[in-house]
Amino acid sequence: MSDFLINLQTEMRAPNLLFESWTPVIRIFFATIITFVLLLACLRIFGNRSVSNISIQDVITSFTIGSTISSTLILKEVTIVNGFLAIVLLLFLQFLISKIISKWPILSNYINPPPKVLFLKGDFLEHTMKKSRVTKENIYSAIRSQARCSSDKVFAVLLESNGNFSVVTEVSPGYEEEILKYVN
């Protein structure tokens, strides 16, 4: 098989396009298995927060971990130890940020933006919708999928920091105040 691939590359005048040798293939095979097992262990240690609903910090961590894993698996210059260290550091930073936010909630607004009220008591909040790049159809879709009722029975629709919509149909006076503090 390897001779066929090498001959095909030679004919195409593209050396190492399809196959160079078995060494990198074996390296990728074992690096993938080892990195996968180490990542599972790390996510187990750092907990569910690492794979929960995605916030801004989670997106950054996820993309960076994905890039680190791909570099570790494909680039021979990046060892498994180096890739594993980078992943552990990224997960630790995410863990540290979540601890800081839980200790000083005021910092949460700088890391994870507060929700935005897009629809309130039957009215679309056009200014907030425009800033958030949300259409009326997006809001109607959220109402249909979550509340399963008409918009006149919805108290509010919020855009959460993770990009999800929350549809609120019933509120107590205390919870109404909680929602109203997010009206811009």
C-alpha atoms as a PDB file:
ATOM      1  CA  MET A   1       0.000   0.000   0.000  1.00  0.00           C
ATOM      2  CA  SER A   2       2.745   2.466   0.915  1.00  0.00           C
ATOM      3  CA  ASP A   3       4.555   1.788  -2.392  1.00  0.00           C
ATOM      4  CA  PHE A   4       1.348   2.560  -4.290  1.00  0.00           C
ATOM      5  CA  LEU A   5       0.916   5.887  -2.470  1.00  0.00           C
ATOM      6  CA  ILE A   6       4.561   6.841  -3.003  1.00  0.00           C
ATOM      7  CA  ASN A   7       4.313   5.991  -6.731  1.00  0.00           C
ATOM      8  CA  LEU A   8       1.085   7.991  -7.026  1.00  0.00           C
ATOM      9  CA  GLN A   9       2.742  11.007  -5.373  1.00  0.00           C
ATOM     10  CA  THR A  10       5.720  10.713  -7.714  1.00  0.00           C
ATOM     11  CA  GLU A  11       3.444  10.628 -10.754  1.00  0.00           C
ATOM     12  CA  MET A  12       1.578  13.687  -9.484  1.00  0.00           C
ATOM     13  CA  ARG A  13       4.901  15.437  -8.779  1.00  0.00           C
ATOM     14  CA  ALA A  14       3.719  16.109  -5.216  1.00  0.00           C
ATOM     15  CA  PRO A  15       6.098  14.412  -2.779  1.00  0.00           C
ATOM     16  CA  ASN A  16       4.759  13.701   0.713  1.00  0.00           C
ATOM     17  CA  LEU A  17       1.245  14.799  -0.234  1.00  0.00           C
ATOM     18  CA  LEU A  18      -0.447  11.500   0.594  1.00  0.00           C
ATOM     19  CA  PHE A  19       2.165   9.483   2.458  1.00  0.00           C
ATOM     20  CA  GLU A  20       5.692  10.007   3.750  1.00  0.00           C
ATOM     21  CA  SER A  21       6.363   7.042   6.023  1.00  0.00           C
ATOM     22  CA  TRP A  22       4.714   5.010   8.751  1.00  0.00           C
ATOM     23  CA  THR A  23       6.502   6.911  11.556  1.00  0.00           C
ATOM     24  CA  PRO A  24       4.225   9.986  11.565  1.00  0.00           C
ATOM     25  CA  VAL A  25       1.156   7.774  11.148  1.00  0.00           C
ATOM     26  CA  ILE A  26       2.119   5.736  14.222  1.00  0.00           C
ATOM     27  CA  ARG A  27       2.935   8.932  16.149  1.00  0.00           C
ATOM     28  CA  ILE A  28      -0.481  10.439  15.337  1.00  0.00           C
ATOM     29  CA  PHE A  29      -2.198   7.175  16.263  1.00  0.00           C
ATOM     30  CA  PHE A  30      -0.642   7.013  19.730  1.00  0.00           C
ATOM     31  CA  ALA A  31      -0.704  10.787  20.315  1.00  0.00           C
ATOM     32  CA  THR A  32      -4.443  10.823  19.600  1.00  0.00           C
ATOM     33  CA  ILE A  33      -5.186   8.017  22.046  1.00  0.00           C
ATOM     34  CA  ILE A  34      -2.966   9.449  24.794  1.00  0.00           C
ATOM     35  CA  THR A  35      -4.263  13.021  24.341  1.00  0.00           C
ATOM     36  CA  PHE A  36      -7.874  11.823  24.343  1.00  0.00           C
ATOM     37  CA  VAL A  37      -7.388   9.897  27.597  1.00  0.00           C
ATOM     38  CA  LEU A  38      -5.551  12.822  29.223  1.00  0.00           C
ATOM     39  CA  LEU A  39      -8.276  15.265  28.122  1.00  0.00           C
ATOM     40  CA  LEU A  40     -10.974  13.010  29.578  1.00  0.00           C
ATOM     41  CA  ALA A  41      -9.055  12.890  32.857  1.00  0.00           C
ATOM     42  CA  CYS A  42      -8.610  16.686  32.901  1.00  0.00           C
ATOM     43  CA  LEU A  43     -12.287  17.349  32.209  1.00  0.00           C
ATOM     44  CA  ARG A  44     -13.220  14.911  34.957  1.00  0.00           C
ATOM     45  CA  ILE A  45     -10.883  16.687  37.417  1.00  0.00           C
ATOM     46  CA  PHE A  46     -11.966  20.225  36.499  1.00  0.00           C
ATOM     47  CA  GLY A  47     -15.646  19.292  36.522  1.00  0.00           C
ATOM     48  CA  ASN A  48     -18.837  19.949  34.604  1.00  0.00           C
ATOM     49  CA  ARG A  49     -18.140  23.680  34.281  1.00  0.00           C
ATOM     50  CA  SER A  50     -15.627  22.842  31.556  1.00  0.00           C
ATOM     51  CA  VAL A  51     -18.344  21.398  29.313  1.00  0.00           C
ATOM     52  CA  SER A  52     -21.444  23.316  30.413  1.00  0.00           C
ATOM     53  CA  ASN A  53     -23.425  25.860  28.444  1.00  0.00           C
ATOM     54  CA  ILE A  54     -20.885  27.872  26.617  1.00  0.00           C
ATOM     55  CA  SER A  55     -20.024  31.363  27.823  1.00  0.00           C
ATOM     56  CA  ILE A  56     -17.420  33.652  26.292  1.00  0.00           C
ATOM     57  CA  GLN A  57     -14.630  32.227  28.436  1.00  0.00           C
ATOM     58  CA  ASP A  58     -15.786  28.693  27.587  1.00  0.00           C
ATOM     59  CA  VAL A  59     -15.649  29.461  23.859  1.00  0.00           C
ATOM     60  CA  ILE A  60     -12.117  30.810  24.172  1.00  0.00           C
ATOM     61  CA  THR A  61     -11.057  27.784  26.217  1.00  0.00           C
ATOM     62  CA  SER A  62     -12.746  25.319  23.837  1.00  0.00           C
ATOM     63  CA  PHE A  63     -11.234  26.813  20.690  1.00  0.00           C
ATOM     64  CA  THR A  64      -7.802  27.040  22.248  1.00  0.00           C
ATOM     65  CA  ILE A  65      -7.946  23.472  23.544  1.00  0.00           C
ATOM     66  CA  GLY A  66      -9.080  22.290  20.107  1.00  0.00           C
ATOM     67  CA  SER A  67      -6.189  24.075  18.454  1.00  0.00           C
ATOM     68  CA  THR A  68      -3.757  22.724  21.032  1.00  0.00           C
ATOM     69  CA  ILE A  69      -5.016  19.188  20.532  1.00  0.00           C
ATOM     70  CA  SER A  70      -4.741  19.418  16.754  1.00  0.00           C
ATOM     71  CA  SER A  71      -1.205  20.794  17.026  1.00  0.00           C
ATOM     72  CA  THR A  72      -0.273  18.043  19.470  1.00  0.00           C
ATOM     73  CA  LEU A  73      -1.678  15.350  17.205  1.00  0.00           C
ATOM     74  CA  ILE A  74      -0.316  16.581  13.891  1.00  0.00           C
ATOM     75  CA  LEU A  75       2.845  18.600  14.498  1.00  0.00           C
ATOM     76  CA  LYS A  76       5.847  16.532  15.512  1.00  0.00           C
ATOM     77  CA  GLU A  77       7.423  19.663  17.054  1.00  0.00           C
ATOM     78  CA  VAL A  78       4.692  19.681  19.730  1.00  0.00           C
ATOM     79  CA  THR A  79       5.121  16.847  22.198  1.00  0.00           C
ATOM     80  CA  ILE A  80       2.275  15.252  24.113  1.00  0.00           C
ATOM     81  CA  VAL A  81       3.721  16.644  27.344  1.00  0.00           C
ATOM     82  CA  ASN A  82       3.733  20.188  25.891  1.00  0.00           C
ATOM     83  CA  GLY A  83       0.184  19.835  24.582  1.00  0.00           C
ATOM     84  CA  PHE A  84      -1.025  18.296  27.830  1.00  0.00           C
ATOM     85  CA  LEU A  85       0.567  21.107  29.852  1.00  0.00           C
ATOM     86  CA  ALA A  86      -1.157  23.718  27.681  1.00  0.00           C
ATOM     87  CA  ILE A  87      -4.536  21.973  28.088  1.00  0.00           C
ATOM     88  CA  VAL A  88      -4.151  21.697  31.874  1.00  0.00           C
ATOM     89  CA  LEU A  89      -3.190  25.381  32.072  1.00  0.00           C
ATOM     90  CA  LEU A  90      -6.199  26.399  29.965  1.00  0.00           C
ATOM     91  CA  LEU A  91      -8.574  24.360  32.126  1.00  0.00           C
ATOM     92  CA  PHE A  92      -6.956  25.720  35.281  1.00  0.00           C
ATOM     93  CA  LEU A  93      -7.390  29.306  34.029  1.00  0.00           C
ATOM     94  CA  GLN A  94     -11.046  28.586  33.286  1.00  0.00           C
ATOM     95  CA  PHE A  95     -11.435  27.079  36.768  1.00  0.00           C
ATOM     96  CA  LEU A  96      -9.668  30.078  38.335  1.00  0.00           C
ATOM     97  CA  ILE A  97     -11.869  32.572  36.487  1.00  0.00           C
ATOM     98  CA  SER A  98     -15.027  30.761  37.621  1.00  0.00           C
ATOM     99  CA  LYS A  99     -13.741  30.850  41.227  1.00  0.00           C
ATOM    100  CA  ILE A 100     -12.957  34.575  40.962  1.00  0.00           C
ATOM    101  CA  ILE A 101     -16.421  35.276  39.520  1.00  0.00           C
ATOM    102  CA  SER A 102     -18.118  33.311  42.300  1.00  0.00           C
ATOM    103  CA  LYS A 103     -16.114  35.188  44.951  1.00  0.00           C
ATOM    104  CA  TRP A 104     -16.530  38.660  43.358  1.00  0.00           C
ATOM    105  CA  PRO A 105     -19.752  38.629  41.304  1.00  0.00           C
ATOM    106  CA  ILE A 106     -19.188  42.232  40.165  1.00  0.00           C
ATOM    107  CA  LEU A 107     -16.383  40.926  37.906  1.00  0.00           C
ATOM    108  CA  SER A 108     -18.836  38.619  36.164  1.00  0.00           C
ATOM    109  CA  ASN A 109     -20.142  41.479  34.011  1.00  0.00           C
ATOM    110  CA  TYR A 110     -16.668  41.955  32.556  1.00  0.00           C
ATOM    111  CA  ILE A 111     -16.179  38.298  31.719  1.00  0.00           C
ATOM    112  CA  ASN A 112     -19.741  37.152  30.986  1.00  0.00           C
ATOM    113  CA  PRO A 113     -22.106  39.923  29.955  1.00  0.00           C
ATOM    114  CA  PRO A 114     -25.458  40.134  31.754  1.00  0.00           C
ATOM    115  CA  PRO A 115     -28.602  39.005  29.940  1.00  0.00           C
ATOM    116  CA  LYS A 116     -30.409  41.459  27.693  1.00  0.00           C
ATOM    117  CA  VAL A 117     -34.188  41.870  27.705  1.00  0.00           C
ATOM    118  CA  LEU A 118     -35.400  41.809  24.098  1.00  0.00           C
ATOM    119  CA  PHE A 119     -39.138  41.481  24.615  1.00  0.00           C
ATOM    120  CA  LEU A 120     -41.087  42.714  27.618  1.00  0.00           C
ATOM    121  CA  LYS A 121     -44.832  42.548  28.334  1.00  0.00           C
ATOM    122  CA  GLY A 122     -45.790  42.294  24.667  1.00  0.00           C
ATOM    123  CA  ASP A 123     -43.340  44.914  23.377  1.00  0.00           C
ATOM    124  CA  PHE A 124     -40.187  44.375  21.386  1.00  0.00           C
ATOM    125  CA  LEU A 125     -37.259  46.389  22.725  1.00  0.00           C
ATOM    126  CA  GLU A 126     -35.998  47.458  19.307  1.00  0.00           C
ATOM    127  CA  HIS A 127     -32.854  49.264  20.511  1.00  0.00           C
ATOM    128  CA  THR A 128     -31.620  46.231  22.456  1.00  0.00           C
ATOM    129  CA  MET A 129     -32.598  43.906  19.612  1.00  0.00           C
ATOM    130  CA  LYS A 130     -30.600  45.990  17.144  1.00  0.00           C
ATOM    131  CA  LYS A 131     -27.514  46.092  19.416  1.00  0.00           C
ATOM    132  CA  SER A 132     -27.797  42.328  19.932  1.00  0.00           C
ATOM    133  CA  ARG A 133     -28.435  41.616  16.229  1.00  0.00           C
ATOM    134  CA  VAL A 134     -31.679  39.787  16.989  1.00  0.00           C
ATOM    135  CA  THR A 135     -34.777  39.873  14.804  1.00  0.00           C
ATOM    136  CA  LYS A 136     -38.431  39.600  15.749  1.00  0.00           C
ATOM    137  CA  GLU A 137     -38.446  36.230  14.022  1.00  0.00           C
ATOM    138  CA  ASN A 138     -35.668  35.013  16.361  1.00  0.00           C
ATOM    139  CA  ILE A 139     -37.801  36.014  19.334  1.00  0.00           C
ATOM    140  CA  TYR A 140     -40.973  34.459  17.923  1.00  0.00           C
ATOM    141  CA  SER A 141     -38.998  31.269  17.275  1.00  0.00           C
ATOM    142  CA  ALA A 142     -37.823  31.173  20.899  1.00  0.00           C
ATOM    143  CA  ILE A 143     -41.386  31.703  22.108  1.00  0.00           C
ATOM    144  CA  ARG A 144     -42.699  28.927  19.870  1.00  0.00           C
ATOM    145  CA  SER A 145     -40.019  26.439  20.877  1.00  0.00           C
ATOM    146  CA  GLN A 146     -39.843  27.184  24.613  1.00  0.00           C
ATOM    147  CA  ALA A 147     -43.128  28.662  25.807  1.00  0.00           C
ATOM    148  CA  ARG A 148     -45.418  26.989  23.282  1.00  0.00           C
ATOM    149  CA  CYS A 149     -47.920  29.788  23.676  1.00  0.00           C
ATOM    150  CA  SER A 150     -48.748  33.074  22.030  1.00  0.00           C
ATOM    151  CA  SER A 151     -46.556  36.114  22.634  1.00  0.00           C
ATOM    152  CA  ASP A 152     -49.293  37.849  24.657  1.00  0.00           C
ATOM    153  CA  LYS A 153     -48.781  35.238  27.395  1.00  0.00           C
ATOM    154  CA  VAL A 154     -45.015  35.874  27.552  1.00  0.00           C
ATOM    155  CA  PHE A 155     -43.677  38.262  30.159  1.00  0.00           C
ATOM    156  CA  ALA A 156     -40.151  38.551  28.741  1.00  0.00           C
ATOM    157  CA  VAL A 157     -37.606  37.087  26.346  1.00  0.00           C
ATOM    158  CA  LEU A 158     -33.968  37.459  27.355  1.00  0.00           C
ATOM    159  CA  LEU A 159     -30.761  36.892  25.444  1.00  0.00           C
ATOM    160  CA  GLU A 160     -28.432  35.108  27.872  1.00  0.00           C
ATOM    161  CA  SER A 161     -24.660  35.568  27.976  1.00  0.00           C
ATOM    162  CA  ASN A 162     -24.183  32.176  26.300  1.00  0.00           C
ATOM    163  CA  GLY A 163     -26.346  33.217  23.326  1.00  0.00           C
ATOM    164  CA  ASN A 164     -29.424  31.220  24.311  1.00  0.00           C
ATOM    165  CA  PHE A 165     -32.871  32.734  24.617  1.00  0.00           C
ATOM    166  CA  SER A 166     -34.856  32.456  27.852  1.00  0.00           C
ATOM    167  CA  VAL A 167     -38.609  32.830  27.622  1.00  0.00           C
ATOM    168  CA  VAL A 168     -40.358  33.818  30.853  1.00  0.00           C
ATOM    169  CA  THR A 169     -44.119  33.344  31.010  1.00  0.00           C
ATOM    170  CA  GLU A 170     -44.939  33.722  34.691  1.00  0.00           C
ATOM    171  CA  VAL A 171     -43.240  35.966  37.227  1.00  0.00           C
ATOM    172  CA  SER A 172     -43.566  36.800  40.866  1.00  0.00           C
ATOM    173  CA  PRO A 173     -43.120  40.476  41.852  1.00  0.00           C
ATOM    174  CA  GLY A 174     -39.582  39.794  43.097  1.00  0.00           C
ATOM    175  CA  TYR A 175     -38.590  38.005  39.918  1.00  0.00           C
ATOM    176  CA  GLU A 176     -40.118  40.780  37.820  1.00  0.00           C
ATOM    177  CA  GLU A 177     -37.691  43.205  39.488  1.00  0.00           C
ATOM    178  CA  GLU A 178     -34.831  40.816  38.747  1.00  0.00           C
ATOM    179  CA  ILE A 179     -35.696  40.821  35.042  1.00  0.00           C
ATOM    180  CA  LEU A 180     -36.328  44.557  34.875  1.00  0.00           C
ATOM    181  CA  LYS A 181     -32.797  45.325  36.076  1.00  0.00           C
ATOM    182  CA  TYR A 182     -31.538  43.945  32.736  1.00  0.00           C
ATOM    183  CA  VAL A 183     -33.615  46.346  30.634  1.00  0.00           C
ATOM    184  CA  ASN A 184     -31.288  48.777  28.865  1.00  0.00           C
END
